[in-house]
């Protein structure tokens, strides 16, 4: 049973500390450059290789991916691990959707509607136009990274999980689905809301009972 936010942050320290450094760097970039400058800097660096892999990288941050992982945890690990992952996804995804519809910000395709000839789009990919802020895929990737790091026996996995989450965030910009601001705030929502949720829910007695520490195929 965790002892609150301090315990959660300590367990995810290998993800959280470098994340804070990265976040500070993102804020500095935002202070130095405009939305357009950042967008076209990212969009201007493209290759056939990246065009082929980024659509798959972005799927890591899809809700279906989290549901599949939660199902595997339910079968082979425990009800607790699956519950923490799927409920963290639900809480952060709901928060992201509330923000999306509250701000109702245009995506790059709509924002730069008069400059589409300057933009590199990946062929065959459907590009959305609305509800840009924040990036839901980024929220999900960072939330899942926090939960898996929290649950992992070797907390150093947090470093790799952070890198994967960053890759998802970058893919959202590379594919012209989101702006730098969408991804940055998405990461904050994913990390912050998940830490708060884990601090609250994993202190409950029921989730730490022996019954919850077994899975469907992994009986205690």
N, C-alpha and C. Protein backbone atom coordinates (compact mmCIF):
# COMPACT_ATOMS: atom_id res chain seq x y z
N UNK A 1 0.85 -1.20 0.00
CA UNK A 1 0.00 0.00 0.00
C UNK A 1 0.88 1.25 0.00
N UNK A 2 0.61 2.18 -0.91
CA UNK A 2 1.47 3.36 -0.97
C UNK A 2 1.11 4.36 0.12
N UNK A 3 2.03 5.28 0.36
CA UNK A 3 1.85 6.25 1.43
C UNK A 3 1.48 7.63 0.89
N UNK A 4 1.03 7.67 -0.35
CA UNK A 4 0.63 8.95 -0.93
C UNK A 4 1.52 9.38 -2.07
N UNK A 5 1.43 10.67 -2.42
CA UNK A 5 2.12 11.21 -3.59
C UNK A 5 3.64 11.04 -3.50
N UNK A 6 4.20 11.22 -2.31
CA UNK A 6 5.65 11.08 -2.16
C UNK A 6 6.11 9.68 -2.53
N UNK A 7 5.34 8.70 -2.11
CA UNK A 7 5.68 7.30 -2.41
C UNK A 7 5.58 7.03 -3.91
N UNK A 8 4.53 7.56 -4.53
CA UNK A 8 4.37 7.37 -5.98
C UNK A 8 5.53 8.03 -6.73
N UNK A 9 5.85 9.25 -6.37
CA UNK A 9 6.92 9.97 -7.04
C UNK A 9 8.28 9.28 -6.84
N UNK A 10 8.48 8.72 -5.66
CA UNK A 10 9.74 8.00 -5.43
C UNK A 10 9.82 6.77 -6.32
N UNK A 11 8.72 6.05 -6.44
CA UNK A 11 8.72 4.83 -7.24
C UNK A 11 8.90 5.11 -8.73
N UNK A 12 8.49 6.29 -9.18
CA UNK A 12 8.63 6.61 -10.61
C UNK A 12 9.77 7.58 -10.86
N UNK A 13 10.70 7.69 -9.92
CA UNK A 13 11.75 8.71 -9.99
C UNK A 13 12.60 8.60 -11.25
N UNK A 14 12.82 7.39 -11.77
CA UNK A 14 13.65 7.24 -12.97
C UNK A 14 12.94 7.78 -14.21
N UNK A 15 11.64 7.88 -14.14
CA UNK A 15 10.88 8.53 -15.21
C UNK A 15 10.66 10.00 -14.89
N UNK A 16 10.33 10.30 -13.64
CA UNK A 16 9.89 11.64 -13.28
C UNK A 16 11.00 12.69 -13.33
N UNK A 17 12.17 12.36 -12.82
CA UNK A 17 13.25 13.35 -12.78
C UNK A 17 13.69 13.78 -14.18
N UNK A 18 13.99 12.83 -15.08
CA UNK A 18 14.32 13.27 -16.44
C UNK A 18 13.14 13.94 -17.14
N UNK A 19 11.92 13.55 -16.78
CA UNK A 19 10.75 14.20 -17.37
C UNK A 19 10.70 15.67 -17.00
N UNK A 20 10.95 15.99 -15.74
CA UNK A 20 10.95 17.38 -15.29
C UNK A 20 12.01 18.18 -16.05
N UNK A 21 13.18 17.58 -16.26
CA UNK A 21 14.24 18.26 -17.03
C UNK A 21 13.76 18.50 -18.46
N UNK A 22 13.14 17.48 -19.05
CA UNK A 22 12.61 17.61 -20.41
C UNK A 22 11.53 18.69 -20.48
N UNK A 23 10.66 18.74 -19.47
CA UNK A 23 9.58 19.71 -19.45
C UNK A 23 10.14 21.14 -19.38
N UNK A 24 11.17 21.32 -18.58
CA UNK A 24 11.82 22.63 -18.50
C UNK A 24 12.39 23.04 -19.86
N UNK A 25 12.99 22.08 -20.56
CA UNK A 25 13.53 22.35 -21.89
C UNK A 25 12.41 22.73 -22.86
N UNK A 26 11.28 22.05 -22.75
CA UNK A 26 10.12 22.36 -23.61
C UNK A 26 9.60 23.77 -23.34
N UNK A 27 9.54 24.14 -22.08
CA UNK A 27 9.08 25.49 -21.72
C UNK A 27 10.03 26.55 -22.25
N UNK A 28 11.33 26.25 -22.20
CA UNK A 28 12.32 27.19 -22.72
C UNK A 28 12.16 27.35 -24.24
N UNK A 29 11.96 26.24 -24.94
CA UNK A 29 11.73 26.29 -26.39
C UNK A 29 10.51 27.14 -26.70
N UNK A 30 9.45 26.97 -25.92
CA UNK A 30 8.23 27.73 -26.15
C UNK A 30 8.43 29.22 -25.91
N UNK A 31 9.29 29.56 -24.97
CA UNK A 31 9.58 30.97 -24.70
C UNK A 31 10.39 31.60 -25.82
N UNK A 32 11.23 30.80 -26.47
CA UNK A 32 12.15 31.32 -27.48
C UNK A 32 11.57 31.34 -28.89
N UNK A 33 10.61 30.45 -29.14
CA UNK A 33 10.11 30.32 -30.52
C UNK A 33 8.59 30.34 -30.55
N UNK A 34 8.04 30.75 -31.70
CA UNK A 34 6.59 30.81 -31.86
C UNK A 34 6.04 29.44 -32.23
N UNK A 35 4.72 29.33 -32.18
CA UNK A 35 4.06 28.10 -32.58
C UNK A 35 4.41 27.71 -34.01
N UNK A 36 4.38 28.67 -34.90
CA UNK A 36 4.68 28.40 -36.32
C UNK A 36 6.12 27.96 -36.51
N UNK A 37 7.04 28.63 -35.84
CA UNK A 37 8.46 28.29 -35.97
C UNK A 37 8.73 26.86 -35.52
N UNK A 38 8.15 26.49 -34.39
CA UNK A 38 8.36 25.13 -33.87
C UNK A 38 7.72 24.11 -34.80
N UNK A 39 6.52 24.39 -35.25
CA UNK A 39 5.81 23.44 -36.11
C UNK A 39 6.58 23.18 -37.40
N UNK A 40 6.98 24.23 -38.08
CA UNK A 40 7.65 24.05 -39.37
C UNK A 40 9.07 23.51 -39.21
N UNK A 41 9.69 23.74 -38.04
CA UNK A 41 11.00 23.14 -37.78
C UNK A 41 10.88 21.63 -37.68
N UNK A 42 9.83 21.16 -36.98
CA UNK A 42 9.60 19.72 -36.86
C UNK A 42 9.14 19.14 -38.19
N UNK A 43 8.20 19.81 -38.83
CA UNK A 43 7.63 19.31 -40.07
C UNK A 43 8.64 19.30 -41.21
N UNK A 44 9.63 20.15 -41.11
CA UNK A 44 10.62 20.24 -42.18
C UNK A 44 11.63 19.11 -42.19
N UNK A 45 11.69 18.34 -41.10
CA UNK A 45 12.63 17.21 -41.02
C UNK A 45 11.84 15.93 -41.22
N UNK A 46 11.88 15.40 -42.43
CA UNK A 46 11.12 14.19 -42.73
C UNK A 46 11.88 13.31 -43.71
N UNK A 47 11.68 12.01 -43.56
CA UNK A 47 12.32 11.03 -44.45
C UNK A 47 11.30 9.95 -44.78
N UNK A 48 11.60 9.17 -45.79
CA UNK A 48 10.72 8.05 -46.15
C UNK A 48 10.65 7.04 -45.02
N UNK A 49 11.78 6.84 -44.31
CA UNK A 49 11.80 5.90 -43.19
C UNK A 49 10.86 6.36 -42.09
N UNK A 50 10.95 7.64 -41.71
CA UNK A 50 10.07 8.16 -40.66
C UNK A 50 8.61 8.14 -41.11
N UNK A 51 8.38 8.42 -42.37
CA UNK A 51 7.01 8.36 -42.89
C UNK A 51 6.41 6.96 -42.73
N UNK A 52 7.26 5.96 -42.82
CA UNK A 52 6.78 4.58 -42.74
C UNK A 52 6.58 4.09 -41.31
N UNK A 53 7.36 4.61 -40.35
CA UNK A 53 7.27 4.08 -38.98
C UNK A 53 6.44 4.94 -38.02
N UNK A 54 6.38 6.24 -38.24
CA UNK A 54 5.68 7.11 -37.29
C UNK A 54 4.20 6.78 -37.14
N UNK A 55 3.49 6.38 -38.21
CA UNK A 55 2.08 6.00 -38.01
C UNK A 55 1.93 4.82 -37.06
N UNK A 56 2.94 3.95 -36.99
CA UNK A 56 2.90 2.81 -36.07
C UNK A 56 3.32 3.22 -34.66
N UNK A 57 4.30 4.12 -34.57
CA UNK A 57 4.73 4.61 -33.26
C UNK A 57 3.57 5.30 -32.55
N UNK A 58 2.80 6.05 -33.31
CA UNK A 58 1.70 6.81 -32.70
C UNK A 58 0.63 5.89 -32.11
N UNK A 59 0.51 4.66 -32.63
CA UNK A 59 -0.47 3.71 -32.11
C UNK A 59 -0.15 3.26 -30.68
N UNK A 60 1.10 3.44 -30.26
CA UNK A 60 1.46 3.09 -28.89
C UNK A 60 0.63 3.91 -27.90
N UNK A 61 0.28 5.13 -28.30
CA UNK A 61 -0.51 6.00 -27.44
C UNK A 61 -2.00 5.87 -27.64
N UNK A 62 -2.42 4.87 -28.38
CA UNK A 62 -3.85 4.65 -28.62
C UNK A 62 -4.48 3.91 -27.45
N UNK A 63 -5.73 4.22 -27.17
CA UNK A 63 -6.42 3.58 -26.05
C UNK A 63 -6.51 2.07 -26.19
N UNK A 64 -6.61 1.59 -27.43
CA UNK A 64 -6.70 0.15 -27.65
C UNK A 64 -5.44 -0.55 -27.16
N UNK A 65 -4.30 0.09 -27.33
CA UNK A 65 -3.03 -0.49 -26.86
C UNK A 65 -3.06 -0.67 -25.35
N UNK A 66 -3.55 0.35 -24.64
CA UNK A 66 -3.64 0.27 -23.18
C UNK A 66 -4.60 -0.83 -22.75
N UNK A 67 -5.72 -0.95 -23.46
CA UNK A 67 -6.71 -1.97 -23.13
C UNK A 67 -6.11 -3.37 -23.30
N UNK A 68 -5.33 -3.55 -24.36
CA UNK A 68 -4.69 -4.85 -24.60
C UNK A 68 -3.70 -5.18 -23.48
N UNK A 69 -2.89 -4.19 -23.12
CA UNK A 69 -1.90 -4.39 -22.04
C UNK A 69 -2.62 -4.70 -20.72
N UNK A 70 -3.70 -3.97 -20.45
CA UNK A 70 -4.47 -4.21 -19.22
C UNK A 70 -5.06 -5.61 -19.21
N UNK A 71 -5.49 -6.10 -20.37
CA UNK A 71 -6.05 -7.45 -20.46
C UNK A 71 -4.97 -8.50 -20.18
N UNK A 72 -3.76 -8.27 -20.69
CA UNK A 72 -2.65 -9.18 -20.44
C UNK A 72 -2.31 -9.20 -18.95
N UNK A 73 -2.28 -8.03 -18.33
CA UNK A 73 -2.01 -7.94 -16.90
C UNK A 73 -3.09 -8.65 -16.09
N UNK A 74 -4.32 -8.54 -16.53
CA UNK A 74 -5.44 -9.20 -15.85
C UNK A 74 -5.29 -10.71 -15.89
N UNK A 75 -4.80 -11.22 -17.01
CA UNK A 75 -4.64 -12.66 -17.17
C UNK A 75 -3.44 -13.20 -16.41
N UNK A 76 -2.30 -12.52 -16.57
CA UNK A 76 -1.04 -13.11 -16.11
C UNK A 76 -0.43 -12.46 -14.87
N UNK A 77 -0.90 -11.28 -14.49
CA UNK A 77 -0.32 -10.61 -13.31
C UNK A 77 -1.35 -10.55 -12.17
N UNK A 78 -2.10 -9.47 -12.12
CA UNK A 78 -3.07 -9.35 -11.04
C UNK A 78 -4.18 -8.39 -11.40
N UNK A 79 -5.29 -8.53 -10.69
CA UNK A 79 -6.40 -7.59 -10.87
C UNK A 79 -5.94 -6.17 -10.55
N UNK A 80 -5.10 -6.05 -9.54
CA UNK A 80 -4.63 -4.72 -9.10
C UNK A 80 -3.87 -4.01 -10.21
N UNK A 81 -2.91 -4.68 -10.82
CA UNK A 81 -2.10 -4.03 -11.84
C UNK A 81 -2.97 -3.63 -13.04
N UNK A 82 -3.87 -4.51 -13.44
CA UNK A 82 -4.76 -4.22 -14.56
C UNK A 82 -5.69 -3.05 -14.22
N UNK A 83 -6.22 -3.06 -13.00
CA UNK A 83 -7.14 -2.02 -12.56
C UNK A 83 -6.46 -0.66 -12.53
N UNK A 84 -5.24 -0.61 -12.01
CA UNK A 84 -4.52 0.66 -11.93
C UNK A 84 -4.24 1.22 -13.32
N UNK A 85 -3.89 0.35 -14.25
CA UNK A 85 -3.60 0.82 -15.60
C UNK A 85 -4.85 1.32 -16.31
N UNK A 86 -5.91 0.52 -16.28
CA UNK A 86 -7.11 0.88 -17.05
C UNK A 86 -7.84 2.07 -16.43
N UNK A 87 -7.84 2.18 -15.11
CA UNK A 87 -8.52 3.33 -14.49
C UNK A 87 -7.71 4.61 -14.67
N UNK A 88 -6.38 4.50 -14.67
CA UNK A 88 -5.55 5.67 -14.94
C UNK A 88 -5.79 6.17 -16.35
N UNK A 89 -5.91 5.21 -17.28
CA UNK A 89 -6.22 5.57 -18.67
C UNK A 89 -7.58 6.26 -18.74
N UNK A 90 -8.57 5.71 -18.06
CA UNK A 90 -9.93 6.28 -18.10
C UNK A 90 -9.96 7.70 -17.55
N UNK A 91 -9.30 7.91 -16.41
CA UNK A 91 -9.32 9.22 -15.76
C UNK A 91 -8.59 10.26 -16.61
N UNK A 92 -7.42 9.89 -17.13
CA UNK A 92 -6.64 10.86 -17.92
C UNK A 92 -7.28 11.11 -19.29
N UNK A 93 -7.85 10.06 -19.89
CA UNK A 93 -8.51 10.22 -21.19
C UNK A 93 -9.74 11.13 -21.05
N UNK A 94 -10.49 10.95 -19.98
CA UNK A 94 -11.65 11.80 -19.74
C UNK A 94 -11.22 13.26 -19.55
N UNK A 95 -10.15 13.46 -18.79
CA UNK A 95 -9.62 14.81 -18.59
C UNK A 95 -9.20 15.44 -19.91
N UNK A 96 -8.52 14.65 -20.75
CA UNK A 96 -8.08 15.14 -22.06
C UNK A 96 -9.26 15.53 -22.93
N UNK A 97 -10.30 14.71 -22.92
CA UNK A 97 -11.47 15.00 -23.75
C UNK A 97 -12.20 16.26 -23.27
N UNK A 98 -12.29 16.43 -21.97
CA UNK A 98 -12.90 17.64 -21.42
C UNK A 98 -12.13 18.88 -21.86
N UNK A 99 -10.81 18.80 -21.83
CA UNK A 99 -9.98 19.93 -22.26
C UNK A 99 -10.11 20.16 -23.76
N UNK A 100 -10.13 19.08 -24.53
CA UNK A 100 -10.26 19.21 -25.99
C UNK A 100 -11.52 19.97 -26.37
N UNK A 101 -12.64 19.58 -25.78
CA UNK A 101 -13.91 20.20 -26.15
C UNK A 101 -14.10 21.57 -25.49
N UNK A 102 -13.39 21.81 -24.40
CA UNK A 102 -13.46 23.11 -23.75
C UNK A 102 -12.69 24.17 -24.55
N UNK A 103 -11.48 23.81 -25.01
CA UNK A 103 -10.66 24.76 -25.76
C UNK A 103 -10.99 24.76 -27.25
N UNK A 104 -11.36 23.58 -27.78
CA UNK A 104 -11.75 23.44 -29.19
C UNK A 104 -10.76 24.14 -30.13
N UNK A 105 -9.49 23.78 -30.00
CA UNK A 105 -8.44 24.41 -30.79
C UNK A 105 -8.26 23.69 -32.13
N UNK A 106 -7.96 24.45 -33.19
CA UNK A 106 -7.73 23.82 -34.50
C UNK A 106 -6.41 23.07 -34.54
N UNK A 107 -6.38 22.02 -35.33
CA UNK A 107 -5.14 21.27 -35.55
C UNK A 107 -4.36 21.95 -36.68
N UNK A 108 -3.11 21.52 -36.89
CA UNK A 108 -2.28 22.18 -37.91
C UNK A 108 -2.93 22.31 -39.27
N UNK A 109 -3.64 21.28 -39.72
CA UNK A 109 -4.26 21.33 -41.04
C UNK A 109 -5.22 22.49 -41.18
N UNK A 110 -5.99 22.78 -40.13
CA UNK A 110 -6.93 23.90 -40.15
C UNK A 110 -6.24 25.22 -39.84
N UNK A 111 -5.29 25.19 -38.92
CA UNK A 111 -4.57 26.41 -38.51
C UNK A 111 -3.77 26.99 -39.66
N UNK A 112 -3.16 26.12 -40.45
CA UNK A 112 -2.36 26.56 -41.60
C UNK A 112 -3.08 26.28 -42.92
N UNK A 113 -4.38 26.48 -42.93
CA UNK A 113 -5.18 26.17 -44.12
C UNK A 113 -4.72 26.92 -45.36
N UNK A 114 -4.14 28.09 -45.17
CA UNK A 114 -3.67 28.89 -46.31
C UNK A 114 -2.21 28.61 -46.66
N UNK A 115 -1.59 27.63 -45.95
CA UNK A 115 -0.18 27.32 -46.21
C UNK A 115 0.05 25.82 -46.38
N UNK A 116 -0.97 25.11 -46.82
CA UNK A 116 -0.88 23.65 -46.91
C UNK A 116 0.21 23.19 -47.87
N UNK A 117 0.57 24.04 -48.82
CA UNK A 117 1.61 23.66 -49.77
C UNK A 117 2.99 23.61 -49.11
N UNK A 118 3.12 24.21 -47.94
CA UNK A 118 4.39 24.20 -47.20
C UNK A 118 4.54 22.98 -46.29
N UNK A 119 3.41 22.27 -46.08
CA UNK A 119 3.39 21.21 -45.06
C UNK A 119 3.63 19.84 -45.69
N UNK A 120 4.45 19.06 -45.00
CA UNK A 120 4.67 17.67 -45.42
C UNK A 120 3.66 16.78 -44.69
N UNK A 121 2.81 16.11 -45.46
CA UNK A 121 1.87 15.15 -44.90
C UNK A 121 2.28 13.74 -45.30
N UNK A 122 2.12 12.80 -44.38
CA UNK A 122 2.39 11.40 -44.70
C UNK A 122 1.27 10.87 -45.58
N UNK A 123 1.63 10.31 -46.70
CA UNK A 123 0.64 9.84 -47.67
C UNK A 123 -0.24 8.73 -47.08
N UNK A 124 -1.53 8.81 -47.39
CA UNK A 124 -2.47 7.79 -46.96
C UNK A 124 -2.98 7.94 -45.55
N UNK A 125 -2.51 8.97 -44.84
CA UNK A 125 -2.92 9.16 -43.44
C UNK A 125 -4.03 10.20 -43.37
N UNK A 126 -5.09 9.88 -42.65
CA UNK A 126 -6.18 10.84 -42.48
C UNK A 126 -5.76 11.87 -41.44
N UNK A 127 -5.83 13.13 -41.80
CA UNK A 127 -5.40 14.21 -40.92
C UNK A 127 -6.63 14.90 -40.33
N UNK A 128 -6.69 14.93 -39.02
CA UNK A 128 -7.80 15.59 -38.33
C UNK A 128 -7.63 17.11 -38.35
N UNK A 129 -8.72 17.82 -38.08
CA UNK A 129 -8.68 19.28 -38.15
C UNK A 129 -9.08 19.99 -36.86
N UNK A 130 -9.78 19.30 -35.96
CA UNK A 130 -10.32 19.97 -34.77
C UNK A 130 -9.89 19.26 -33.48
N UNK A 131 -10.20 19.93 -32.36
CA UNK A 131 -9.93 19.40 -31.01
C UNK A 131 -8.45 19.02 -30.84
N UNK A 132 -7.60 19.99 -31.05
CA UNK A 132 -6.16 19.72 -31.04
C UNK A 132 -5.55 19.68 -29.64
N UNK A 133 -6.08 20.51 -28.73
CA UNK A 133 -5.42 20.73 -27.44
C UNK A 133 -6.18 20.05 -26.30
N UNK A 134 -5.50 19.15 -25.55
CA UNK A 134 -4.14 18.63 -25.71
C UNK A 134 -4.13 17.35 -26.56
N UNK A 135 -2.96 16.76 -26.74
CA UNK A 135 -2.82 15.52 -27.51
C UNK A 135 -3.23 14.33 -26.65
N UNK A 136 -4.32 13.67 -27.05
CA UNK A 136 -4.80 12.52 -26.28
C UNK A 136 -3.84 11.34 -26.31
N UNK A 137 -3.21 11.10 -27.46
CA UNK A 137 -2.24 10.00 -27.56
C UNK A 137 -1.06 10.23 -26.62
N UNK A 138 -0.64 11.50 -26.51
CA UNK A 138 0.48 11.82 -25.62
C UNK A 138 0.07 11.64 -24.16
N UNK A 139 -1.14 12.07 -23.83
CA UNK A 139 -1.68 11.86 -22.48
C UNK A 139 -1.63 10.38 -22.12
N UNK A 140 -2.12 9.54 -23.02
CA UNK A 140 -2.18 8.10 -22.76
C UNK A 140 -0.80 7.49 -22.63
N UNK A 141 0.13 7.88 -23.50
CA UNK A 141 1.49 7.32 -23.46
C UNK A 141 2.20 7.66 -22.16
N UNK A 142 2.09 8.90 -21.72
CA UNK A 142 2.77 9.29 -20.48
C UNK A 142 2.07 8.69 -19.26
N UNK A 143 0.75 8.61 -19.29
CA UNK A 143 0.02 7.99 -18.19
C UNK A 143 0.41 6.53 -18.05
N UNK A 144 0.40 5.80 -19.16
CA UNK A 144 0.78 4.38 -19.11
C UNK A 144 2.22 4.21 -18.66
N UNK A 145 3.10 5.11 -19.10
CA UNK A 145 4.50 5.05 -18.68
C UNK A 145 4.65 5.19 -17.18
N UNK A 146 3.88 6.11 -16.60
CA UNK A 146 3.91 6.32 -15.15
C UNK A 146 3.42 5.07 -14.43
N UNK A 147 2.30 4.52 -14.87
CA UNK A 147 1.71 3.35 -14.19
C UNK A 147 2.64 2.14 -14.27
N UNK A 148 3.16 1.87 -15.46
CA UNK A 148 4.03 0.69 -15.62
C UNK A 148 5.31 0.86 -14.81
N UNK A 149 5.87 2.06 -14.79
CA UNK A 149 7.06 2.32 -13.96
C UNK A 149 6.73 2.10 -12.49
N UNK A 150 5.59 2.60 -12.06
CA UNK A 150 5.15 2.45 -10.67
C UNK A 150 5.01 0.99 -10.28
N UNK A 151 4.55 0.17 -11.20
CA UNK A 151 4.30 -1.24 -10.91
C UNK A 151 5.54 -2.13 -11.10
N UNK A 152 6.48 -1.69 -11.93
CA UNK A 152 7.64 -2.51 -12.27
C UNK A 152 8.53 -2.77 -11.06
N UNK A 153 9.09 -3.95 -11.00
CA UNK A 153 10.03 -4.26 -9.92
C UNK A 153 11.32 -3.47 -10.09
N UNK A 154 11.81 -3.39 -11.32
CA UNK A 154 13.00 -2.60 -11.61
C UNK A 154 12.55 -1.23 -12.11
N UNK A 155 12.65 -0.22 -11.25
CA UNK A 155 12.14 1.10 -11.57
C UNK A 155 12.92 1.79 -12.68
N UNK A 156 14.09 1.26 -13.02
CA UNK A 156 14.88 1.85 -14.09
C UNK A 156 14.21 1.70 -15.46
N UNK A 157 13.20 0.84 -15.55
CA UNK A 157 12.41 0.76 -16.77
C UNK A 157 11.75 2.09 -17.09
N UNK A 158 11.65 2.94 -16.08
CA UNK A 158 11.04 4.26 -16.28
C UNK A 158 11.76 5.09 -17.32
N UNK A 159 13.07 4.90 -17.44
CA UNK A 159 13.84 5.65 -18.44
C UNK A 159 13.39 5.28 -19.84
N UNK A 160 13.28 3.98 -20.10
CA UNK A 160 12.84 3.51 -21.41
C UNK A 160 11.40 3.92 -21.68
N UNK A 161 10.55 3.80 -20.67
CA UNK A 161 9.14 4.14 -20.84
C UNK A 161 8.96 5.63 -21.13
N UNK A 162 9.81 6.46 -20.53
CA UNK A 162 9.77 7.90 -20.82
C UNK A 162 10.16 8.15 -22.28
N UNK A 163 11.20 7.46 -22.74
CA UNK A 163 11.62 7.62 -24.13
C UNK A 163 10.52 7.19 -25.10
N UNK A 164 9.82 6.11 -24.77
CA UNK A 164 8.72 5.65 -25.62
C UNK A 164 7.61 6.70 -25.65
N UNK A 165 7.28 7.26 -24.49
CA UNK A 165 6.24 8.29 -24.43
C UNK A 165 6.64 9.52 -25.24
N UNK A 166 7.92 9.89 -25.17
CA UNK A 166 8.42 11.02 -25.95
C UNK A 166 8.30 10.72 -27.44
N UNK A 167 8.59 9.49 -27.83
CA UNK A 167 8.46 9.09 -29.23
C UNK A 167 7.02 9.24 -29.71
N UNK A 168 6.08 8.88 -28.86
CA UNK A 168 4.66 9.02 -29.22
C UNK A 168 4.32 10.49 -29.41
N UNK A 169 4.77 11.32 -28.46
CA UNK A 169 4.51 12.76 -28.58
C UNK A 169 5.11 13.34 -29.85
N UNK A 170 6.33 12.94 -30.17
CA UNK A 170 6.98 13.41 -31.40
C UNK A 170 6.20 12.96 -32.63
N UNK A 171 5.69 11.72 -32.59
CA UNK A 171 4.94 11.20 -33.74
C UNK A 171 3.70 12.03 -34.01
N UNK A 172 3.07 12.54 -32.96
CA UNK A 172 1.87 13.36 -33.14
C UNK A 172 2.20 14.66 -33.85
N UNK A 173 3.38 15.20 -33.60
CA UNK A 173 3.81 16.41 -34.30
C UNK A 173 4.28 16.07 -35.71
N UNK A 174 5.03 14.99 -35.84
CA UNK A 174 5.55 14.60 -37.15
C UNK A 174 4.42 14.34 -38.13
N UNK A 175 3.34 13.74 -37.66
CA UNK A 175 2.20 13.40 -38.51
C UNK A 175 1.24 14.57 -38.71
N UNK A 176 1.62 15.74 -38.18
CA UNK A 176 0.81 16.96 -38.32
C UNK A 176 -0.58 16.82 -37.70
N UNK A 177 -0.66 16.01 -36.66
CA UNK A 177 -1.93 15.88 -35.94
C UNK A 177 -2.01 16.85 -34.76
N UNK A 178 -0.85 17.33 -34.30
CA UNK A 178 -0.82 18.20 -33.13
C UNK A 178 0.32 19.20 -33.19
N UNK A 179 0.20 20.23 -32.36
CA UNK A 179 1.25 21.21 -32.17
C UNK A 179 2.13 20.83 -30.98
N UNK A 180 3.26 21.49 -30.87
CA UNK A 180 4.19 21.30 -29.77
C UNK A 180 3.49 21.54 -28.43
N UNK A 181 2.66 22.57 -28.36
CA UNK A 181 1.94 22.89 -27.12
C UNK A 181 0.98 21.77 -26.73
N UNK A 182 0.33 21.18 -27.72
CA UNK A 182 -0.62 20.08 -27.44
C UNK A 182 0.09 18.91 -26.80
N UNK A 183 1.26 18.60 -27.33
CA UNK A 183 2.03 17.46 -26.85
C UNK A 183 2.61 17.74 -25.46
N UNK A 184 3.15 18.94 -25.28
CA UNK A 184 3.74 19.30 -23.99
C UNK A 184 2.70 19.25 -22.87
N UNK A 185 1.56 19.89 -23.09
CA UNK A 185 0.51 19.89 -22.08
C UNK A 185 -0.08 18.48 -21.92
N UNK A 186 -0.16 17.73 -23.01
CA UNK A 186 -0.62 16.35 -22.93
C UNK A 186 0.24 15.52 -22.00
N UNK A 187 1.55 15.74 -22.06
CA UNK A 187 2.45 15.00 -21.18
C UNK A 187 2.22 15.38 -19.72
N UNK A 188 1.98 16.68 -19.47
CA UNK A 188 1.72 17.14 -18.10
C UNK A 188 0.44 16.53 -17.56
N UNK A 189 -0.61 16.53 -18.38
CA UNK A 189 -1.88 15.93 -17.96
C UNK A 189 -1.69 14.44 -17.66
N UNK A 190 -0.98 13.74 -18.54
CA UNK A 190 -0.76 12.31 -18.34
C UNK A 190 -0.01 12.00 -17.07
N UNK A 191 1.05 12.75 -16.80
CA UNK A 191 1.87 12.50 -15.61
C UNK A 191 1.16 12.96 -14.34
N UNK A 192 0.70 14.20 -14.34
CA UNK A 192 0.12 14.79 -13.13
C UNK A 192 -1.14 14.06 -12.67
N UNK A 193 -2.09 13.88 -13.58
CA UNK A 193 -3.35 13.23 -13.21
C UNK A 193 -3.11 11.79 -12.77
N UNK A 194 -2.19 11.11 -13.42
CA UNK A 194 -1.91 9.71 -13.05
C UNK A 194 -1.27 9.62 -11.67
N UNK A 195 -0.35 10.51 -11.36
CA UNK A 195 0.27 10.52 -10.03
C UNK A 195 -0.78 10.77 -8.96
N UNK A 196 -1.67 11.73 -9.20
CA UNK A 196 -2.74 12.03 -8.24
C UNK A 196 -3.67 10.83 -8.08
N UNK A 197 -4.02 10.20 -9.20
CA UNK A 197 -4.93 9.05 -9.15
C UNK A 197 -4.30 7.88 -8.40
N UNK A 198 -3.05 7.56 -8.71
CA UNK A 198 -2.37 6.46 -8.03
C UNK A 198 -2.22 6.74 -6.54
N UNK A 199 -1.95 8.00 -6.20
CA UNK A 199 -1.81 8.38 -4.79
C UNK A 199 -3.11 8.16 -4.03
N UNK A 200 -4.22 8.33 -4.74
CA UNK A 200 -5.54 8.17 -4.11
C UNK A 200 -5.98 6.70 -4.09
N UNK A 201 -6.00 6.08 -5.26
CA UNK A 201 -6.65 4.77 -5.37
C UNK A 201 -5.82 3.63 -4.80
N UNK A 202 -4.49 3.71 -4.90
CA UNK A 202 -3.68 2.57 -4.44
C UNK A 202 -3.47 2.57 -2.93
N UNK A 203 -4.11 3.51 -2.24
CA UNK A 203 -4.10 3.50 -0.78
C UNK A 203 -5.32 2.78 -0.21
N UNK A 204 -6.26 2.43 -1.10
CA UNK A 204 -7.48 1.78 -0.65
C UNK A 204 -7.21 0.33 -0.25
N UNK A 205 -7.86 -0.10 0.80
CA UNK A 205 -7.62 -1.45 1.35
C UNK A 205 -8.01 -2.54 0.36
N UNK A 206 -9.10 -2.34 -0.37
CA UNK A 206 -9.60 -3.41 -1.23
C UNK A 206 -8.60 -3.79 -2.32
N UNK A 207 -7.92 -2.80 -2.88
CA UNK A 207 -7.03 -3.07 -4.00
C UNK A 207 -5.73 -3.73 -3.55
N UNK A 208 -5.46 -3.67 -2.26
CA UNK A 208 -4.25 -4.31 -1.73
C UNK A 208 -4.56 -5.60 -0.98
N UNK A 209 -5.78 -6.09 -1.12
CA UNK A 209 -6.15 -7.36 -0.49
C UNK A 209 -5.55 -8.52 -1.28
N UNK A 210 -5.37 -9.68 -0.63
CA UNK A 210 -4.80 -10.84 -1.33
C UNK A 210 -5.54 -11.22 -2.60
N UNK A 211 -6.85 -11.08 -2.60
CA UNK A 211 -7.65 -11.45 -3.77
C UNK A 211 -7.28 -10.61 -4.99
N UNK A 212 -6.99 -9.32 -4.76
CA UNK A 212 -6.68 -8.42 -5.87
C UNK A 212 -5.24 -8.59 -6.36
N UNK A 213 -4.44 -9.35 -5.62
CA UNK A 213 -3.06 -9.58 -6.04
C UNK A 213 -2.88 -10.89 -6.76
N UNK A 214 -3.93 -11.33 -7.42
CA UNK A 214 -3.87 -12.50 -8.29
C UNK A 214 -4.58 -12.19 -9.59
N UNK A 215 -4.23 -12.93 -10.65
CA UNK A 215 -4.87 -12.71 -11.93
C UNK A 215 -5.74 -13.90 -12.30
N UNK A 216 -6.37 -13.79 -13.46
CA UNK A 216 -7.25 -14.89 -13.88
C UNK A 216 -6.50 -16.20 -14.09
N UNK A 217 -5.26 -16.10 -14.58
CA UNK A 217 -4.45 -17.31 -14.80
C UNK A 217 -3.25 -17.37 -13.85
N UNK A 218 -3.24 -16.46 -12.89
CA UNK A 218 -2.13 -16.40 -11.93
C UNK A 218 -2.71 -16.35 -10.54
N UNK A 219 -3.19 -17.49 -10.07
CA UNK A 219 -3.81 -17.57 -8.77
C UNK A 219 -2.79 -17.48 -7.65
N UNK A 220 -3.16 -16.72 -6.60
CA UNK A 220 -2.26 -16.58 -5.47
C UNK A 220 -2.17 -17.89 -4.69
